[in-house]
């Protein structure tokens, strides 16, 4: 299941591609959410190894399947949020460069 997520997960450092610009205050929260979702996916994989057979086991597996679907949906949303944060970071960095160029009198500065 964790492999099905396809996300980068939480490594204890900033997410790949994060430059820490204008949206820097948001990135750690989104990265932490990605790590939490990745951990949930890993735990669900571990919980699926049930050897017993009964009505309760069937309901348990159905609940795990539903949880798996929810975790995958959440992972997709967190990944999208992280991409939005990266885009905001890039936009803020480009804007700051434009302002700096304009302040320095460089042609093509702020736009």
N, C-alpha and C. Protein backbone atom coordinates (compact mmCIF):
# COMPACT_ATOMS: atom_id res chain seq x y z
N UNK A 1 0.83 -1.19 0.00
CA UNK A 1 0.00 0.00 0.00
C UNK A 1 0.87 1.25 0.00
N UNK A 2 1.90 1.28 0.84
CA UNK A 2 2.77 2.44 0.85
C UNK A 2 3.41 2.64 -0.51
N UNK A 3 3.74 1.51 -1.17
CA UNK A 3 4.32 1.62 -2.49
C UNK A 3 3.30 2.15 -3.49
N UNK A 4 2.03 1.81 -3.29
CA UNK A 4 0.98 2.28 -4.20
C UNK A 4 0.78 3.79 -4.07
N UNK A 5 1.15 4.35 -2.92
CA UNK A 5 0.98 5.77 -2.72
C UNK A 5 1.82 6.54 -3.72
N UNK A 6 3.05 6.14 -3.88
CA UNK A 6 3.92 6.81 -4.84
C UNK A 6 4.45 8.13 -4.35
N UNK A 7 4.19 8.46 -3.08
CA UNK A 7 4.66 9.73 -2.55
C UNK A 7 6.09 9.65 -2.05
N UNK A 8 6.63 10.80 -1.74
CA UNK A 8 8.00 10.85 -1.28
C UNK A 8 8.11 10.53 0.20
N UNK A 9 7.01 10.71 0.93
CA UNK A 9 7.04 10.41 2.37
C UNK A 9 7.88 11.41 3.14
N UNK A 10 7.97 11.20 4.42
CA UNK A 10 8.69 12.10 5.29
C UNK A 10 10.05 11.52 5.59
N UNK A 11 11.10 12.26 5.32
CA UNK A 11 12.45 11.78 5.54
C UNK A 11 13.12 12.53 6.69
N UNK A 12 12.41 13.42 7.34
CA UNK A 12 13.00 14.21 8.40
C UNK A 12 13.57 15.52 7.91
N UNK A 13 13.67 15.69 6.61
CA UNK A 13 14.19 16.91 6.02
C UNK A 13 13.12 17.56 5.17
N UNK A 14 13.47 18.62 4.48
CA UNK A 14 12.47 19.26 3.62
C UNK A 14 12.10 18.36 2.45
N UNK A 15 10.90 18.48 1.94
CA UNK A 15 10.49 17.67 0.79
C UNK A 15 11.35 17.99 -0.42
N UNK A 16 11.48 17.02 -1.30
CA UNK A 16 12.26 17.21 -2.51
C UNK A 16 11.72 18.39 -3.31
N UNK A 17 12.60 19.22 -3.79
CA UNK A 17 12.20 20.35 -4.60
C UNK A 17 11.81 21.59 -3.81
N UNK A 18 11.81 21.51 -2.50
CA UNK A 18 11.41 22.66 -1.70
C UNK A 18 12.55 23.64 -1.61
N UNK A 19 12.29 24.90 -1.93
CA UNK A 19 13.35 25.90 -1.91
C UNK A 19 13.23 26.85 -0.73
N UNK A 20 12.15 26.76 0.03
CA UNK A 20 12.02 27.54 1.25
C UNK A 20 11.71 29.00 1.04
N UNK A 21 11.11 29.37 -0.07
CA UNK A 21 10.81 30.78 -0.35
C UNK A 21 9.60 31.28 0.38
N UNK A 22 8.74 32.01 -0.32
CA UNK A 22 7.62 32.71 0.28
C UNK A 22 6.64 31.82 1.02
N UNK A 23 6.48 30.59 0.63
CA UNK A 23 5.54 29.70 1.30
C UNK A 23 6.24 28.82 2.33
N UNK A 24 7.44 29.20 2.73
CA UNK A 24 8.25 28.39 3.63
C UNK A 24 7.58 28.03 4.93
N UNK A 25 6.70 28.87 5.42
CA UNK A 25 6.04 28.58 6.69
C UNK A 25 5.03 27.45 6.56
N UNK A 26 4.55 27.19 5.37
CA UNK A 26 3.54 26.16 5.15
C UNK A 26 4.16 24.80 4.86
N UNK A 27 5.29 24.77 4.20
CA UNK A 27 5.89 23.52 3.74
C UNK A 27 6.08 22.49 4.85
N UNK A 28 6.58 22.84 6.02
CA UNK A 28 6.77 21.81 7.05
C UNK A 28 5.46 21.13 7.45
N UNK A 29 4.37 21.87 7.46
CA UNK A 29 3.08 21.28 7.82
C UNK A 29 2.60 20.31 6.75
N UNK A 30 2.79 20.67 5.49
CA UNK A 30 2.38 19.79 4.40
C UNK A 30 3.28 18.56 4.38
N UNK A 31 4.57 18.74 4.59
CA UNK A 31 5.50 17.60 4.62
C UNK A 31 5.16 16.68 5.79
N UNK A 32 4.82 17.25 6.94
CA UNK A 32 4.44 16.44 8.09
C UNK A 32 3.17 15.65 7.78
N UNK A 33 2.22 16.28 7.11
CA UNK A 33 1.00 15.58 6.72
C UNK A 33 1.32 14.43 5.78
N UNK A 34 2.23 14.66 4.83
CA UNK A 34 2.64 13.59 3.92
C UNK A 34 3.25 12.43 4.70
N UNK A 35 4.07 12.74 5.68
CA UNK A 35 4.68 11.70 6.50
C UNK A 35 3.65 10.93 7.30
N UNK A 36 2.67 11.62 7.84
CA UNK A 36 1.62 10.97 8.62
C UNK A 36 0.80 10.04 7.74
N UNK A 37 0.47 10.48 6.54
CA UNK A 37 -0.29 9.65 5.62
C UNK A 37 0.54 8.44 5.20
N UNK A 38 1.81 8.65 4.92
CA UNK A 38 2.69 7.54 4.55
C UNK A 38 2.78 6.52 5.68
N UNK A 39 2.90 6.99 6.91
CA UNK A 39 2.94 6.10 8.07
C UNK A 39 1.63 5.32 8.20
N UNK A 40 0.51 5.97 7.98
CA UNK A 40 -0.79 5.28 8.04
C UNK A 40 -0.86 4.18 6.98
N UNK A 41 -0.38 4.47 5.79
CA UNK A 41 -0.38 3.46 4.73
C UNK A 41 0.49 2.27 5.13
N UNK A 42 1.65 2.53 5.70
CA UNK A 42 2.55 1.45 6.14
C UNK A 42 1.89 0.60 7.22
N UNK A 43 1.23 1.24 8.16
CA UNK A 43 0.56 0.50 9.25
C UNK A 43 -0.61 -0.33 8.72
N UNK A 44 -1.32 0.19 7.73
CA UNK A 44 -2.42 -0.58 7.15
C UNK A 44 -1.91 -1.82 6.44
N UNK A 45 -0.77 -1.70 5.78
CA UNK A 45 -0.18 -2.87 5.12
C UNK A 45 0.13 -3.94 6.18
N UNK A 46 0.72 -3.52 7.27
CA UNK A 46 1.07 -4.46 8.34
C UNK A 46 -0.18 -5.09 8.96
N UNK A 47 -1.26 -4.33 9.05
CA UNK A 47 -2.49 -4.83 9.68
C UNK A 47 -3.24 -5.83 8.82
N UNK A 48 -2.92 -5.92 7.55
CA UNK A 48 -3.66 -6.81 6.65
C UNK A 48 -3.29 -8.27 6.80
N UNK A 49 -2.26 -8.58 7.55
CA UNK A 49 -1.81 -9.96 7.70
C UNK A 49 -2.58 -10.65 8.83
N UNK A 50 -3.79 -11.05 8.52
CA UNK A 50 -4.67 -11.74 9.48
C UNK A 50 -4.91 -13.14 8.95
N UNK A 51 -4.54 -14.14 9.77
CA UNK A 51 -4.65 -15.53 9.32
C UNK A 51 -6.01 -16.15 9.63
N UNK A 52 -6.77 -15.60 10.55
CA UNK A 52 -8.01 -16.23 10.95
C UNK A 52 -9.14 -15.93 9.98
N UNK A 53 -10.13 -16.84 9.95
CA UNK A 53 -11.27 -16.72 9.05
C UNK A 53 -12.54 -16.72 9.89
N UNK A 54 -13.33 -15.67 9.72
CA UNK A 54 -14.61 -15.55 10.41
C UNK A 54 -15.33 -14.35 9.83
N UNK A 55 -16.57 -14.15 10.29
CA UNK A 55 -17.31 -12.96 9.87
C UNK A 55 -16.59 -11.70 10.35
N UNK A 56 -16.04 -11.77 11.56
CA UNK A 56 -15.31 -10.62 12.10
C UNK A 56 -14.07 -10.33 11.26
N UNK A 57 -13.38 -11.38 10.83
CA UNK A 57 -12.19 -11.19 10.00
C UNK A 57 -12.57 -10.55 8.66
N UNK A 58 -13.68 -10.97 8.12
CA UNK A 58 -14.15 -10.38 6.85
C UNK A 58 -14.46 -8.90 7.03
N UNK A 59 -15.16 -8.56 8.11
CA UNK A 59 -15.47 -7.14 8.38
C UNK A 59 -14.18 -6.35 8.62
N UNK A 60 -13.23 -6.96 9.31
CA UNK A 60 -11.94 -6.33 9.58
C UNK A 60 -11.23 -6.01 8.26
N UNK A 61 -11.18 -6.99 7.36
CA UNK A 61 -10.53 -6.77 6.06
C UNK A 61 -11.26 -5.71 5.24
N UNK A 62 -12.59 -5.71 5.29
CA UNK A 62 -13.36 -4.68 4.59
C UNK A 62 -13.06 -3.30 5.15
N UNK A 63 -12.94 -3.21 6.47
CA UNK A 63 -12.60 -1.92 7.09
C UNK A 63 -11.20 -1.49 6.68
N UNK A 64 -10.27 -2.44 6.62
CA UNK A 64 -8.92 -2.11 6.17
C UNK A 64 -8.91 -1.63 4.72
N UNK A 65 -9.71 -2.29 3.88
CA UNK A 65 -9.80 -1.87 2.48
C UNK A 65 -10.33 -0.44 2.36
N UNK A 66 -11.36 -0.13 3.15
CA UNK A 66 -11.91 1.23 3.14
C UNK A 66 -10.87 2.23 3.65
N UNK A 67 -10.17 1.87 4.72
CA UNK A 67 -9.12 2.75 5.24
C UNK A 67 -8.04 2.96 4.19
N UNK A 68 -7.69 1.90 3.48
CA UNK A 68 -6.69 1.99 2.42
C UNK A 68 -7.13 2.98 1.35
N UNK A 69 -8.39 2.89 0.92
CA UNK A 69 -8.91 3.83 -0.07
C UNK A 69 -8.83 5.27 0.45
N UNK A 70 -9.18 5.46 1.70
CA UNK A 70 -9.15 6.81 2.28
C UNK A 70 -7.73 7.35 2.38
N UNK A 71 -6.79 6.48 2.77
CA UNK A 71 -5.40 6.91 2.87
C UNK A 71 -4.85 7.28 1.50
N UNK A 72 -5.17 6.49 0.49
CA UNK A 72 -4.70 6.81 -0.86
C UNK A 72 -5.29 8.12 -1.36
N UNK A 73 -6.57 8.35 -1.07
CA UNK A 73 -7.21 9.61 -1.46
C UNK A 73 -6.56 10.78 -0.73
N UNK A 74 -6.30 10.60 0.55
CA UNK A 74 -5.65 11.66 1.34
C UNK A 74 -4.24 11.91 0.84
N UNK A 75 -3.52 10.84 0.52
CA UNK A 75 -2.16 11.00 0.00
C UNK A 75 -2.16 11.83 -1.28
N UNK A 76 -3.12 11.58 -2.14
CA UNK A 76 -3.22 12.35 -3.39
C UNK A 76 -3.47 13.83 -3.09
N UNK A 77 -4.33 14.11 -2.11
CA UNK A 77 -4.61 15.50 -1.75
C UNK A 77 -3.38 16.17 -1.15
N UNK A 78 -2.65 15.46 -0.31
CA UNK A 78 -1.44 16.03 0.31
C UNK A 78 -0.39 16.28 -0.77
N UNK A 79 -0.23 15.34 -1.69
CA UNK A 79 0.72 15.55 -2.78
C UNK A 79 0.34 16.78 -3.60
N UNK A 80 -0.96 16.95 -3.88
CA UNK A 80 -1.41 18.13 -4.63
C UNK A 80 -1.14 19.41 -3.84
N UNK A 81 -1.38 19.35 -2.52
CA UNK A 81 -1.11 20.53 -1.68
C UNK A 81 0.37 20.86 -1.69
N UNK A 82 1.22 19.84 -1.62
CA UNK A 82 2.65 20.08 -1.63
C UNK A 82 3.08 20.70 -2.96
N UNK A 83 2.49 20.26 -4.05
CA UNK A 83 2.80 20.86 -5.35
C UNK A 83 2.34 22.32 -5.39
N UNK A 84 1.18 22.60 -4.79
CA UNK A 84 0.71 23.99 -4.73
C UNK A 84 1.66 24.85 -3.91
N UNK A 85 2.17 24.29 -2.82
CA UNK A 85 3.13 25.03 -1.98
C UNK A 85 4.41 25.28 -2.77
N UNK A 86 4.86 24.28 -3.49
CA UNK A 86 6.07 24.45 -4.32
C UNK A 86 5.84 25.53 -5.37
N UNK A 87 4.67 25.53 -5.99
CA UNK A 87 4.36 26.55 -7.01
C UNK A 87 4.33 27.94 -6.38
N UNK A 88 3.74 28.06 -5.20
CA UNK A 88 3.71 29.36 -4.51
C UNK A 88 5.12 29.80 -4.16
N UNK A 89 5.94 28.85 -3.76
CA UNK A 89 7.33 29.15 -3.44
C UNK A 89 8.07 29.67 -4.67
N UNK A 90 7.88 28.99 -5.80
CA UNK A 90 8.53 29.43 -7.03
C UNK A 90 8.05 30.81 -7.43
N UNK A 91 6.74 31.05 -7.33
CA UNK A 91 6.18 32.35 -7.70
C UNK A 91 6.73 33.45 -6.80
N UNK A 92 6.82 33.17 -5.50
CA UNK A 92 7.35 34.18 -4.57
C UNK A 92 8.82 34.46 -4.88
N UNK A 93 9.58 33.41 -5.19
CA UNK A 93 10.99 33.61 -5.52
C UNK A 93 11.14 34.44 -6.79
N UNK A 94 10.35 34.14 -7.81
CA UNK A 94 10.42 34.91 -9.05
C UNK A 94 10.01 36.36 -8.84
N UNK A 95 9.01 36.56 -8.01
CA UNK A 95 8.57 37.93 -7.71
C UNK A 95 9.68 38.68 -6.98
N UNK A 96 10.31 38.02 -6.00
CA UNK A 96 11.40 38.66 -5.26
C UNK A 96 12.57 39.00 -6.18
N UNK A 97 12.87 38.12 -7.11
CA UNK A 97 13.95 38.39 -8.07
C UNK A 97 13.59 39.59 -8.94
N UNK A 98 12.33 39.63 -9.39
CA UNK A 98 11.88 40.77 -10.20
C UNK A 98 11.97 42.08 -9.43
N UNK A 99 11.57 42.05 -8.17
CA UNK A 99 11.67 43.27 -7.35
C UNK A 99 13.12 43.69 -7.14
N UNK A 100 13.99 42.71 -6.91
CA UNK A 100 15.40 43.03 -6.71
C UNK A 100 16.02 43.61 -7.99
N UNK A 101 15.63 43.02 -9.12
CA UNK A 101 16.13 43.53 -10.40
C UNK A 101 15.63 44.96 -10.63
N UNK A 102 14.37 45.20 -10.33
CA UNK A 102 13.80 46.54 -10.52
C UNK A 102 14.51 47.55 -9.60
N UNK A 103 14.74 47.13 -8.36
CA UNK A 103 15.40 48.03 -7.39
C UNK A 103 16.83 48.33 -7.85
N UNK A 104 17.45 47.37 -8.53
CA UNK A 104 18.82 47.56 -9.01
C UNK A 104 18.86 48.29 -10.35
N UNK A 105 17.68 48.56 -10.90
CA UNK A 105 17.63 49.26 -12.19
C UNK A 105 17.92 48.36 -13.38
N UNK A 106 17.79 47.06 -13.19
CA UNK A 106 18.03 46.11 -14.28
C UNK A 106 16.80 46.09 -15.18
N UNK A 107 16.98 46.21 -16.49
CA UNK A 107 15.82 46.15 -17.38
C UNK A 107 15.08 44.81 -17.22
N UNK A 108 13.77 44.85 -17.32
CA UNK A 108 12.97 43.62 -17.19
C UNK A 108 12.80 43.23 -15.72
N UNK A 109 12.93 44.18 -14.83
CA UNK A 109 12.80 43.93 -13.40
C UNK A 109 11.39 43.50 -13.02
N UNK A 110 10.75 44.19 -12.13
CA UNK A 110 9.42 43.82 -11.62
C UNK A 110 8.42 43.78 -12.76
N UNK A 111 7.59 42.75 -12.72
CA UNK A 111 6.57 42.65 -13.75
C UNK A 111 5.24 42.40 -13.13
